[in-house]
Amino acid sequence: MDYYALSSSFFYLVASVIVSKRLFSNTITYRIHFSVCISLAFCTHIIWLYQNILLVNGQNLPMLNVLSMVTFIIALLSTLANKRFNTGVLLPVVYAFSILTFISIAYLPSHYITHLDTHPLIGTHILFALLAYSILTIASLFALQLAYLNHYLKRPQLIKTKLNLPPLMTLEKSLFQFVLIGFILLTCTLITGFFFLDHIFYKENAHKVILTLLAWIIYAVLLWGHFKRGWRGRMTIYITIAASSLLTLAYFGSRFVREIILS
């Protein structure tokens, strides 16, 4: 693990400890220390991304580097959303994923050089895909937090423990806001893919297209059911997690087998 990855992992870890303490005591001191640590984590993470992806001979985009970009986006958006949506419970989990990604890259280095500068339209498709996956992953984390909050409210012994958790209705509203934004971005991902990728219908890409379309249909049904039929509760949690799992398989399934298992 290089200097910037190690530094970023350290600051993510410290930020996780601080935000965990903030769940019980949201003091000014904790907020200042957290802001400093997470800012340093983001700065060192983005420097690492710049150095390891933007190479002289092209862009190095193996699965783990892409995953590191995704964890950065998720961590950044989750942190920015914390004040409005109270994502504090999720932040230690999100930061831990960033640390685990750095550890994986250190022990499983790989290279996949591409040239997005000569194909800017494909770069647009990739940008939509990264944003869509990140937003919908955050939505699935909201779903998990919603499941925990349901469990928390049904256990009197847990309610006595004072945690800074968002109200149930606020959390559910936030979940569907993220699902809607992610669904729009996923739609843009599919449209740009069909128009800009010549090899999208090749056999090796068929499973990606099918799984992504299935996830898109599930998200569409979920949004329709919520806004037209008033779907809420456990069913929406299960549907959100199922769609997110399909999207993960679509984005990373084959690359995991090819780059990690078979390499």
C-alpha atoms as a PDB file:
ATOM      1  CA  MET A   1       0.000   0.000   0.000  1.00  0.00           C
ATOM      2  CA  ASP A   2       1.558   3.326  -1.059  1.00  0.00           C
ATOM      3  CA  TYR A   3       1.801   6.538   0.965  1.00  0.00           C
ATOM      4  CA  TYR A   4      -1.447   8.160  -0.215  1.00  0.00           C
ATOM      5  CA  ALA A   5      -3.480   4.959   0.140  1.00  0.00           C
ATOM      6  CA  LEU A   6      -2.068   4.421   3.630  1.00  0.00           C
ATOM      7  CA  SER A   7      -2.730   8.037   4.627  1.00  0.00           C
ATOM      8  CA  SER A   8      -6.269   7.963   3.258  1.00  0.00           C
ATOM      9  CA  SER A   9      -6.997   4.680   5.052  1.00  0.00           C
ATOM     10  CA  PHE A  10      -5.701   6.135   8.320  1.00  0.00           C
ATOM     11  CA  PHE A  11      -7.856   9.257   8.075  1.00  0.00           C
ATOM     12  CA  TYR A  12     -10.916   7.197   7.067  1.00  0.00           C
ATOM     13  CA  LEU A  13     -10.347   5.029  10.139  1.00  0.00           C
ATOM     14  CA  VAL A  14     -10.026   8.013  12.485  1.00  0.00           C
ATOM     15  CA  ALA A  15     -13.110   9.629  10.900  1.00  0.00           C
ATOM     16  CA  SER A  16     -15.023   6.368  11.463  1.00  0.00           C
ATOM     17  CA  VAL A  17     -14.113   6.372  15.157  1.00  0.00           C
ATOM     18  CA  ILE A  18     -15.145  10.024  15.521  1.00  0.00           C
ATOM     19  CA  VAL A  19     -18.452   9.621  13.694  1.00  0.00           C
ATOM     20  CA  SER A  20     -19.221   6.546  15.809  1.00  0.00           C
ATOM     21  CA  LYS A  21     -18.749   8.646  18.950  1.00  0.00           C
ATOM     22  CA  ARG A  22     -20.944  11.358  17.422  1.00  0.00           C
ATOM     23  CA  LEU A  23     -23.809   8.884  17.334  1.00  0.00           C
ATOM     24  CA  PHE A  24     -23.921   9.195  21.124  1.00  0.00           C
ATOM     25  CA  SER A  25     -22.685  12.770  21.635  1.00  0.00           C
ATOM     26  CA  ASN A  26     -22.901  15.312  18.794  1.00  0.00           C
ATOM     27  CA  THR A  27     -20.552  17.917  20.272  1.00  0.00           C
ATOM     28  CA  ILE A  28     -18.772  20.790  18.505  1.00  0.00           C
ATOM     29  CA  THR A  29     -15.362  19.221  19.168  1.00  0.00           C
ATOM     30  CA  TYR A  30     -16.357  15.995  17.444  1.00  0.00           C
ATOM     31  CA  ARG A  31     -17.698  17.907  14.437  1.00  0.00           C
ATOM     32  CA  ILE A  32     -14.470  19.880  13.978  1.00  0.00           C
ATOM     33  CA  HIS A  33     -12.209  16.833  14.360  1.00  0.00           C
ATOM     34  CA  PHE A  34     -14.398  14.844  11.995  1.00  0.00           C
ATOM     35  CA  SER A  35     -14.368  17.577   9.328  1.00  0.00           C
ATOM     36  CA  VAL A  36     -10.567  17.791   9.414  1.00  0.00           C
ATOM     37  CA  CYS A  37     -10.025  14.016   9.262  1.00  0.00           C
ATOM     38  CA  ILE A  38     -12.536  13.303   6.507  1.00  0.00           C
ATOM     39  CA  SER A  39     -11.248  16.241   4.419  1.00  0.00           C
ATOM     40  CA  LEU A  40      -7.725  14.815   4.629  1.00  0.00           C
ATOM     41  CA  ALA A  41      -9.059  11.351   3.759  1.00  0.00           C
ATOM     42  CA  PHE A  42     -10.787  12.710   0.638  1.00  0.00           C
ATOM     43  CA  CYS A  43      -7.760  14.763  -0.433  1.00  0.00           C
ATOM     44  CA  THR A  44      -5.335  11.854  -0.162  1.00  0.00           C
ATOM     45  CA  HIS A  45      -7.846   9.497  -1.800  1.00  0.00           C
ATOM     46  CA  ILE A  46      -8.338  11.755  -4.818  1.00  0.00           C
ATOM     47  CA  ILE A  47      -4.562  12.197  -5.189  1.00  0.00           C
ATOM     48  CA  TRP A  48      -4.210   8.414  -5.153  1.00  0.00           C
ATOM     49  CA  LEU A  49      -6.896   8.101  -7.839  1.00  0.00           C
ATOM     50  CA  TYR A  50      -5.169  10.703  -9.989  1.00  0.00           C
ATOM     51  CA  GLN A  51      -1.776   9.013  -9.715  1.00  0.00           C
ATOM     52  CA  ASN A  52      -3.018   5.462 -10.272  1.00  0.00           C
ATOM     53  CA  ILE A  53      -5.659   5.986 -12.955  1.00  0.00           C
ATOM     54  CA  LEU A  54      -4.430   8.862 -15.113  1.00  0.00           C
ATOM     55  CA  LEU A  55      -1.218   7.369 -16.516  1.00  0.00           C
ATOM     56  CA  VAL A  56       0.967   8.636 -19.350  1.00  0.00           C
ATOM     57  CA  ASN A  57      -0.100   5.811 -21.684  1.00  0.00           C
ATOM     58  CA  GLY A  58      -3.832   6.003 -20.892  1.00  0.00           C
ATOM     59  CA  GLN A  59      -6.321   5.438 -18.090  1.00  0.00           C
ATOM     60  CA  ASN A  60      -5.708   2.468 -15.810  1.00  0.00           C
ATOM     61  CA  LEU A  61      -9.192   1.115 -15.009  1.00  0.00           C
ATOM     62  CA  PRO A  62      -9.045  -2.427 -13.616  1.00  0.00           C
ATOM     63  CA  MET A  63     -11.960  -3.468 -11.434  1.00  0.00           C
ATOM     64  CA  LEU A  64     -10.379  -2.499  -8.112  1.00  0.00           C
ATOM     65  CA  ASN A  65      -9.410   0.983  -9.332  1.00  0.00           C
ATOM     66  CA  VAL A  66     -12.979   1.487 -10.537  1.00  0.00           C
ATOM     67  CA  LEU A  67     -14.210   0.208  -7.183  1.00  0.00           C
ATOM     68  CA  SER A  68     -11.957   2.728  -5.435  1.00  0.00           C
ATOM     69  CA  MET A  69     -13.546   5.505  -7.515  1.00  0.00           C
ATOM     70  CA  VAL A  70     -16.980   4.230  -6.552  1.00  0.00           C
ATOM     71  CA  THR A  71     -16.132   4.087  -2.838  1.00  0.00           C
ATOM     72  CA  PHE A  72     -14.759   7.630  -3.060  1.00  0.00           C
ATOM     73  CA  ILE A  73     -17.971   8.903  -4.670  1.00  0.00           C
ATOM     74  CA  ILE A  74     -20.138   7.030  -2.158  1.00  0.00           C
ATOM     75  CA  ALA A  75     -18.085   8.286   0.796  1.00  0.00           C
ATOM     76  CA  LEU A  76     -18.141  11.874  -0.506  1.00  0.00           C
ATOM     77  CA  LEU A  77     -21.881  11.924  -1.241  1.00  0.00           C
ATOM     78  CA  SER A  78     -22.762  10.173   2.031  1.00  0.00           C
ATOM     79  CA  THR A  79     -20.700  12.685   3.999  1.00  0.00           C
ATOM     80  CA  LEU A  80     -22.199  15.674   2.180  1.00  0.00           C
ATOM     81  CA  ALA A  81     -25.684  14.233   2.738  1.00  0.00           C
ATOM     82  CA  ASN A  82     -25.096  13.665   6.448  1.00  0.00           C
ATOM     83  CA  LYS A  83     -26.350  17.068   7.599  1.00  0.00           C
ATOM     84  CA  ARG A  84     -29.625  16.802   5.670  1.00  0.00           C
ATOM     85  CA  PHE A  85     -30.288  13.063   5.737  1.00  0.00           C
ATOM     86  CA  ASN A  86     -28.445  12.061   8.939  1.00  0.00           C
ATOM     87  CA  THR A  87     -26.323   9.314   7.389  1.00  0.00           C
ATOM     88  CA  GLY A  88     -24.071   9.065  10.455  1.00  0.00           C
ATOM     89  CA  VAL A  89     -24.877   5.408  11.105  1.00  0.00           C
ATOM     90  CA  LEU A  90     -23.820   4.520   7.563  1.00  0.00           C
ATOM     91  CA  LEU A  91     -20.567   6.496   7.435  1.00  0.00           C
ATOM     92  CA  PRO A  92     -18.346   4.009   9.353  1.00  0.00           C
ATOM     93  CA  VAL A  93     -19.510   1.262   6.970  1.00  0.00           C
ATOM     94  CA  VAL A  94     -18.864   3.423   3.898  1.00  0.00           C
ATOM     95  CA  TYR A  95     -15.402   4.462   5.097  1.00  0.00           C
ATOM     96  CA  ALA A  96     -14.555   0.840   5.942  1.00  0.00           C
ATOM     97  CA  PHE A  97     -15.292  -0.139   2.323  1.00  0.00           C
ATOM     98  CA  SER A  98     -12.781   2.470   1.130  1.00  0.00           C
ATOM     99  CA  ILE A  99     -10.132   1.056   3.457  1.00  0.00           C
ATOM    100  CA  LEU A 100     -10.847  -2.531   2.355  1.00  0.00           C
ATOM    101  CA  THR A 101     -10.567  -1.476  -1.284  1.00  0.00           C
ATOM    102  CA  PHE A 102      -7.106   0.005  -0.666  1.00  0.00           C
ATOM    103  CA  ILE A 103      -6.033  -3.210   1.094  1.00  0.00           C
ATOM    104  CA  SER A 104      -7.349  -5.308  -1.808  1.00  0.00           C
ATOM    105  CA  ILE A 105      -5.473  -3.193  -4.353  1.00  0.00           C
ATOM    106  CA  ALA A 106      -2.255  -3.574  -2.354  1.00  0.00           C
ATOM    107  CA  TYR A 107      -2.488  -7.381  -2.452  1.00  0.00           C
ATOM    108  CA  LEU A 108      -4.210  -7.816  -5.829  1.00  0.00           C
ATOM    109  CA  PRO A 109      -2.621  -5.260  -8.175  1.00  0.00           C
ATOM    110  CA  SER A 110      -3.810  -5.289 -11.793  1.00  0.00           C
ATOM    111  CA  HIS A 111      -3.807  -3.112 -14.910  1.00  0.00           C
ATOM    112  CA  TYR A 112      -6.378  -2.417 -17.587  1.00  0.00           C
ATOM    113  CA  ILE A 113      -5.306   0.445 -19.833  1.00  0.00           C
ATOM    114  CA  THR A 114      -7.940   2.256 -21.878  1.00  0.00           C
ATOM    115  CA  HIS A 115      -7.986   5.528 -23.820  1.00  0.00           C
ATOM    116  CA  LEU A 116     -11.064   7.529 -22.917  1.00  0.00           C
ATOM    117  CA  ASP A 117      -9.493  10.729 -24.243  1.00  0.00           C
ATOM    118  CA  THR A 118      -9.982   9.397 -27.774  1.00  0.00           C
ATOM    119  CA  HIS A 119     -13.565   8.273 -26.992  1.00  0.00           C
ATOM    120  CA  PRO A 120     -15.124  11.070 -24.889  1.00  0.00           C
ATOM    121  CA  LEU A 121     -18.664   9.796 -25.472  1.00  0.00           C
ATOM    122  CA  ILE A 122     -17.750   6.490 -23.827  1.00  0.00           C
ATOM    123  CA  GLY A 123     -16.350   8.545 -20.953  1.00  0.00           C
ATOM    124  CA  THR A 124     -19.795  10.127 -20.579  1.00  0.00           C
ATOM    125  CA  HIS A 125     -21.370   6.666 -20.390  1.00  0.00           C
ATOM    126  CA  ILE A 126     -18.862   5.589 -17.715  1.00  0.00           C
ATOM    127  CA  LEU A 127     -19.501   8.752 -15.708  1.00  0.00           C
ATOM    128  CA  PHE A 128     -23.256   8.130 -15.716  1.00  0.00           C
ATOM    129  CA  ALA A 129     -22.631   4.488 -14.739  1.00  0.00           C
ATOM    130  CA  LEU A 130     -20.377   5.407 -11.797  1.00  0.00           C
ATOM    131  CA  LEU A 131     -22.789   8.041 -10.504  1.00  0.00           C
ATOM    132  CA  ALA A 132     -25.832   5.784 -10.951  1.00  0.00           C
ATOM    133  CA  TYR A 133     -24.198   2.870  -9.143  1.00  0.00           C
ATOM    134  CA  SER A 134     -22.927   5.099  -6.327  1.00  0.00           C
ATOM    135  CA  ILE A 135     -26.302   6.778  -5.755  1.00  0.00           C
ATOM    136  CA  LEU A 136     -28.203   3.478  -5.869  1.00  0.00           C
ATOM    137  CA  THR A 137     -25.685   1.874  -3.511  1.00  0.00           C
ATOM    138  CA  ILE A 138     -26.312   4.702  -1.052  1.00  0.00           C
ATOM    139  CA  ALA A 139     -30.032   3.996  -1.486  1.00  0.00           C
ATOM    140  CA  SER A 140     -29.434   0.341  -0.584  1.00  0.00           C
ATOM    141  CA  LEU A 141     -27.513   1.487   2.508  1.00  0.00           C
ATOM    142  CA  PHE A 142     -30.493   3.662   3.421  1.00  0.00           C
ATOM    143  CA  ALA A 143     -32.638   0.538   3.037  1.00  0.00           C
ATOM    144  CA  LEU A 144     -30.386  -1.336   5.455  1.00  0.00           C
ATOM    145  CA  GLN A 145     -30.520   1.585   7.884  1.00  0.00           C
ATOM    146  CA  LEU A 146     -34.306   1.593   7.555  1.00  0.00           C
ATOM    147  CA  ALA A 147     -34.377  -2.117   8.392  1.00  0.00           C
ATOM    148  CA  TYR A 148     -32.180  -1.482  11.434  1.00  0.00           C
ATOM    149  CA  LEU A 149     -34.360   1.443  12.569  1.00  0.00           C
ATOM    150  CA  ASN A 150     -37.468  -0.762  12.312  1.00  0.00           C
ATOM    151  CA  HIS A 151     -35.681  -3.341  14.458  1.00  0.00           C
ATOM    152  CA  TYR A 152     -34.460  -0.619  16.842  1.00  0.00           C
ATOM    153  CA  LEU A 153     -37.935   0.841  17.435  1.00  0.00           C
ATOM    154  CA  LYS A 154     -39.400  -2.588  18.190  1.00  0.00           C
ATOM    155  CA  ARG A 155     -36.841  -3.311  20.932  1.00  0.00           C
ATOM    156  CA  PRO A 156     -37.520  -1.326  24.151  1.00  0.00           C
ATOM    157  CA  GLN A 157     -34.091  -2.190  25.529  1.00  0.00           C
ATOM    158  CA  LEU A 158     -32.447  -0.591  22.491  1.00  0.00           C
ATOM    159  CA  ILE A 159     -34.603   2.547  22.579  1.00  0.00           C
ATOM    160  CA  LYS A 160     -33.105   3.373  25.977  1.00  0.00           C
ATOM    161  CA  THR A 161     -29.739   3.749  24.202  1.00  0.00           C
ATOM    162  CA  LYS A 162     -29.660   7.323  22.907  1.00  0.00           C
ATOM    163  CA  LEU A 163     -28.504   7.227  19.300  1.00  0.00           C
ATOM    164  CA  ASN A 164     -28.672  10.146  16.880  1.00  0.00           C
ATOM    165  CA  LEU A 165     -30.918   8.392  14.374  1.00  0.00           C
ATOM    166  CA  PRO A 166     -33.209  10.065  11.821  1.00  0.00           C
ATOM    167  CA  PRO A 167     -37.012   9.724  12.097  1.00  0.00           C
ATOM    168  CA  LEU A 168     -38.439   6.706  10.286  1.00  0.00           C
ATOM    169  CA  MET A 169     -40.493   8.757   7.816  1.00  0.00           C
ATOM    170  CA  THR A 170     -37.549  11.041   7.006  1.00  0.00           C
ATOM    171  CA  LEU A 171     -35.320   8.048   6.327  1.00  0.00           C
ATOM    172  CA  GLU A 172     -37.918   6.416   4.089  1.00  0.00           C
ATOM    173  CA  LYS A 173     -38.393   9.662   2.148  1.00  0.00           C
ATOM    174  CA  SER A 174     -34.618   9.961   1.710  1.00  0.00           C
ATOM    175  CA  LEU A 175     -34.446   6.378   0.434  1.00  0.00           C
ATOM    176  CA  PHE A 176     -36.880   7.080  -2.392  1.00  0.00           C
ATOM    177  CA  GLN A 177     -35.231  10.390  -3.248  1.00  0.00           C
ATOM    178  CA  PHE A 178     -31.941   8.569  -3.801  1.00  0.00           C
ATOM    179  CA  VAL A 179     -33.641   5.747  -5.706  1.00  0.00           C
ATOM    180  CA  LEU A 180     -35.304   8.296  -8.022  1.00  0.00           C
ATOM    181  CA  ILE A 181     -32.043  10.164  -8.699  1.00  0.00           C
ATOM    182  CA  GLY A 182     -30.177   6.897  -9.220  1.00  0.00           C
ATOM    183  CA  PHE A 183     -32.907   5.592 -11.526  1.00  0.00           C
ATOM    184  CA  ILE A 184     -32.628   8.702 -13.722  1.00  0.00           C
ATOM    185  CA  LEU A 185     -28.843   8.296 -13.893  1.00  0.00           C
ATOM    186  CA  LEU A 186     -29.212   4.571 -14.627  1.00  0.00           C
ATOM    187  CA  THR A 187     -31.583   5.443 -17.477  1.00  0.00           C
ATOM    188  CA  CYS A 188     -28.952   7.831 -18.857  1.00  0.00           C
ATOM    189  CA  THR A 189     -26.369   5.045 -18.494  1.00  0.00           C
ATOM    190  CA  LEU A 190     -28.460   2.650 -20.596  1.00  0.00           C
ATOM    191  CA  ILE A 191     -29.251   5.267 -23.244  1.00  0.00           C
ATOM    192  CA  THR A 192     -25.610   6.345 -23.639  1.00  0.00           C
ATOM    193  CA  GLY A 193     -24.548   2.693 -23.667  1.00  0.00           C
ATOM    194  CA  PHE A 194     -26.929   1.800 -26.502  1.00  0.00           C
ATOM    195  CA  PHE A 195     -25.858   4.820 -28.542  1.00  0.00           C
ATOM    196  CA  PHE A 196     -22.117   5.070 -27.824  1.00  0.00           C
ATOM    197  CA  LEU A 197     -20.906   1.478 -27.260  1.00  0.00           C
ATOM    198  CA  ASP A 198     -20.456  -0.483 -30.486  1.00  0.00           C
ATOM    199  CA  HIS A 199     -19.817  -3.763 -28.657  1.00  0.00           C
ATOM    200  CA  ILE A 200     -22.729  -3.573 -26.208  1.00  0.00           C
ATOM    201  CA  PHE A 201     -24.564  -6.452 -27.929  1.00  0.00           C
ATOM    202  CA  TYR A 202     -21.521  -8.738 -28.073  1.00  0.00           C
ATOM    203  CA  LYS A 203     -21.818 -12.081 -26.313  1.00  0.00           C
ATOM    204  CA  GLU A 204     -19.334 -11.167 -23.556  1.00  0.00           C
ATOM    205  CA  ASN A 205     -21.434  -8.125 -22.625  1.00  0.00           C
ATOM    206  CA  ALA A 206     -24.860  -9.779 -22.818  1.00  0.00           C
ATOM    207  CA  HIS A 207     -25.053 -10.563 -19.097  1.00  0.00           C
ATOM    208  CA  LYS A 208     -24.193  -6.939 -18.185  1.00  0.00           C
ATOM    209  CA  VAL A 209     -26.962  -5.585 -20.376  1.00  0.00           C
ATOM    210  CA  ILE A 210     -29.520  -8.136 -19.172  1.00  0.00           C
ATOM    211  CA  LEU A 211     -28.733  -7.664 -15.465  1.00  0.00           C
ATOM    212  CA  THR A 212     -28.695  -3.878 -15.778  1.00  0.00           C
ATOM    213  CA  LEU A 213     -32.044  -3.912 -17.605  1.00  0.00           C
ATOM    214  CA  LEU A 214     -33.502  -6.207 -14.930  1.00  0.00           C
ATOM    215  CA  ALA A 215     -32.275  -3.840 -12.209  1.00  0.00           C
ATOM    216  CA  TRP A 216     -33.735  -0.880 -14.131  1.00  0.00           C
ATOM    217  CA  ILE A 217     -37.119  -2.639 -14.384  1.00  0.00           C
ATOM    218  CA  ILE A 218     -37.103  -3.464 -10.658  1.00  0.00           C
ATOM    219  CA  TYR A 219     -36.301   0.137  -9.723  1.00  0.00           C
ATOM    220  CA  ALA A 220     -39.043   1.343 -12.106  1.00  0.00           C
ATOM    221  CA  VAL A 221     -41.588  -0.995 -10.483  1.00  0.00           C
ATOM    222  CA  LEU A 222     -40.427   0.082  -7.014  1.00  0.00           C
ATOM    223  CA  LEU A 223     -40.901   3.788  -7.820  1.00  0.00           C
ATOM    224  CA  TRP A 224     -44.271   3.123  -9.461  1.00  0.00           C
ATOM    225  CA  GLY A 225     -45.416   1.062  -6.489  1.00  0.00           C
ATOM    226  CA  HIS A 226     -44.327   3.699  -3.992  1.00  0.00           C
ATOM    227  CA  PHE A 227     -45.740   6.773  -5.716  1.00  0.00           C
ATOM    228  CA  LYS A 228     -48.884   5.158  -7.172  1.00  0.00           C
ATOM    229  CA  ARG A 229     -49.679   2.394  -4.694  1.00  0.00           C
ATOM    230  CA  GLY A 230     -48.055   3.693  -1.541  1.00  0.00           C
ATOM    231  CA  TRP A 231     -45.624   0.793  -1.093  1.00  0.00           C
ATOM    232  CA  ARG A 232     -43.627   1.088   2.128  1.00  0.00           C
ATOM    233  CA  GLY A 233     -41.917  -0.997   4.764  1.00  0.00           C
ATOM    234  CA  ARG A 234     -40.112  -4.292   4.403  1.00  0.00           C
ATOM    235  CA  MET A 235     -41.131  -4.920   0.802  1.00  0.00           C
ATOM    236  CA  THR A 236     -39.427  -1.739  -0.418  1.00  0.00           C
ATOM    237  CA  ILE A 237     -36.308  -2.635   1.573  1.00  0.00           C
ATOM    238  CA  TYR A 238     -36.082  -6.103  -0.010  1.00  0.00           C
ATOM    239  CA  ILE A 239     -36.743  -4.762  -3.525  1.00  0.00           C
ATOM    240  CA  THR A 240     -34.091  -2.045  -3.183  1.00  0.00           C
ATOM    241  CA  ILE A 241     -31.437  -4.487  -1.979  1.00  0.00           C
ATOM    242  CA  ALA A 242     -32.340  -7.031  -4.690  1.00  0.00           C
ATOM    243  CA  ALA A 243     -32.027  -4.417  -7.450  1.00  0.00           C
ATOM    244  CA  SER A 244     -28.726  -3.172  -6.025  1.00  0.00           C
ATOM    245  CA  SER A 245     -27.383  -6.744  -5.939  1.00  0.00           C
ATOM    246  CA  LEU A 246     -28.265  -7.243  -9.618  1.00  0.00           C
ATOM    247  CA  LEU A 247     -26.539  -3.994 -10.485  1.00  0.00           C
ATOM    248  CA  THR A 248     -23.413  -5.065  -8.586  1.00  0.00           C
ATOM    249  CA  LEU A 249     -23.334  -8.341 -10.526  1.00  0.00           C
ATOM    250  CA  ALA A 250     -23.775  -6.418 -13.774  1.00  0.00           C
ATOM    251  CA  TYR A 251     -21.007  -3.929 -13.038  1.00  0.00           C
ATOM    252  CA  PHE A 252     -18.435  -6.125 -11.319  1.00  0.00           C
ATOM    253  CA  GLY A 253     -19.431  -9.796 -11.659  1.00  0.00           C
ATOM    254  CA  SER A 254     -17.539 -10.821 -14.787  1.00  0.00           C
ATOM    255  CA  ARG A 255     -14.605  -8.522 -14.082  1.00  0.00           C
ATOM    256  CA  PHE A 256     -14.223 -10.072 -10.623  1.00  0.00           C
ATOM    257  CA  VAL A 257     -14.017 -13.542 -12.123  1.00  0.00           C
ATOM    258  CA  ARG A 258     -11.642 -12.455 -14.917  1.00  0.00           C
ATOM    259  CA  GLU A 259      -9.334 -10.116 -12.942  1.00  0.00           C
ATOM    260  CA  ILE A 260      -9.330 -11.669  -9.474  1.00  0.00           C
ATOM    261  CA  ILE A 261     -10.238 -15.367  -9.623  1.00  0.00           C
ATOM    262  CA  LEU A 262      -8.715 -16.292 -12.999  1.00  0.00           C
ATOM    263  CA  SER A 263      -5.716 -13.951 -12.909  1.00  0.00           C
END
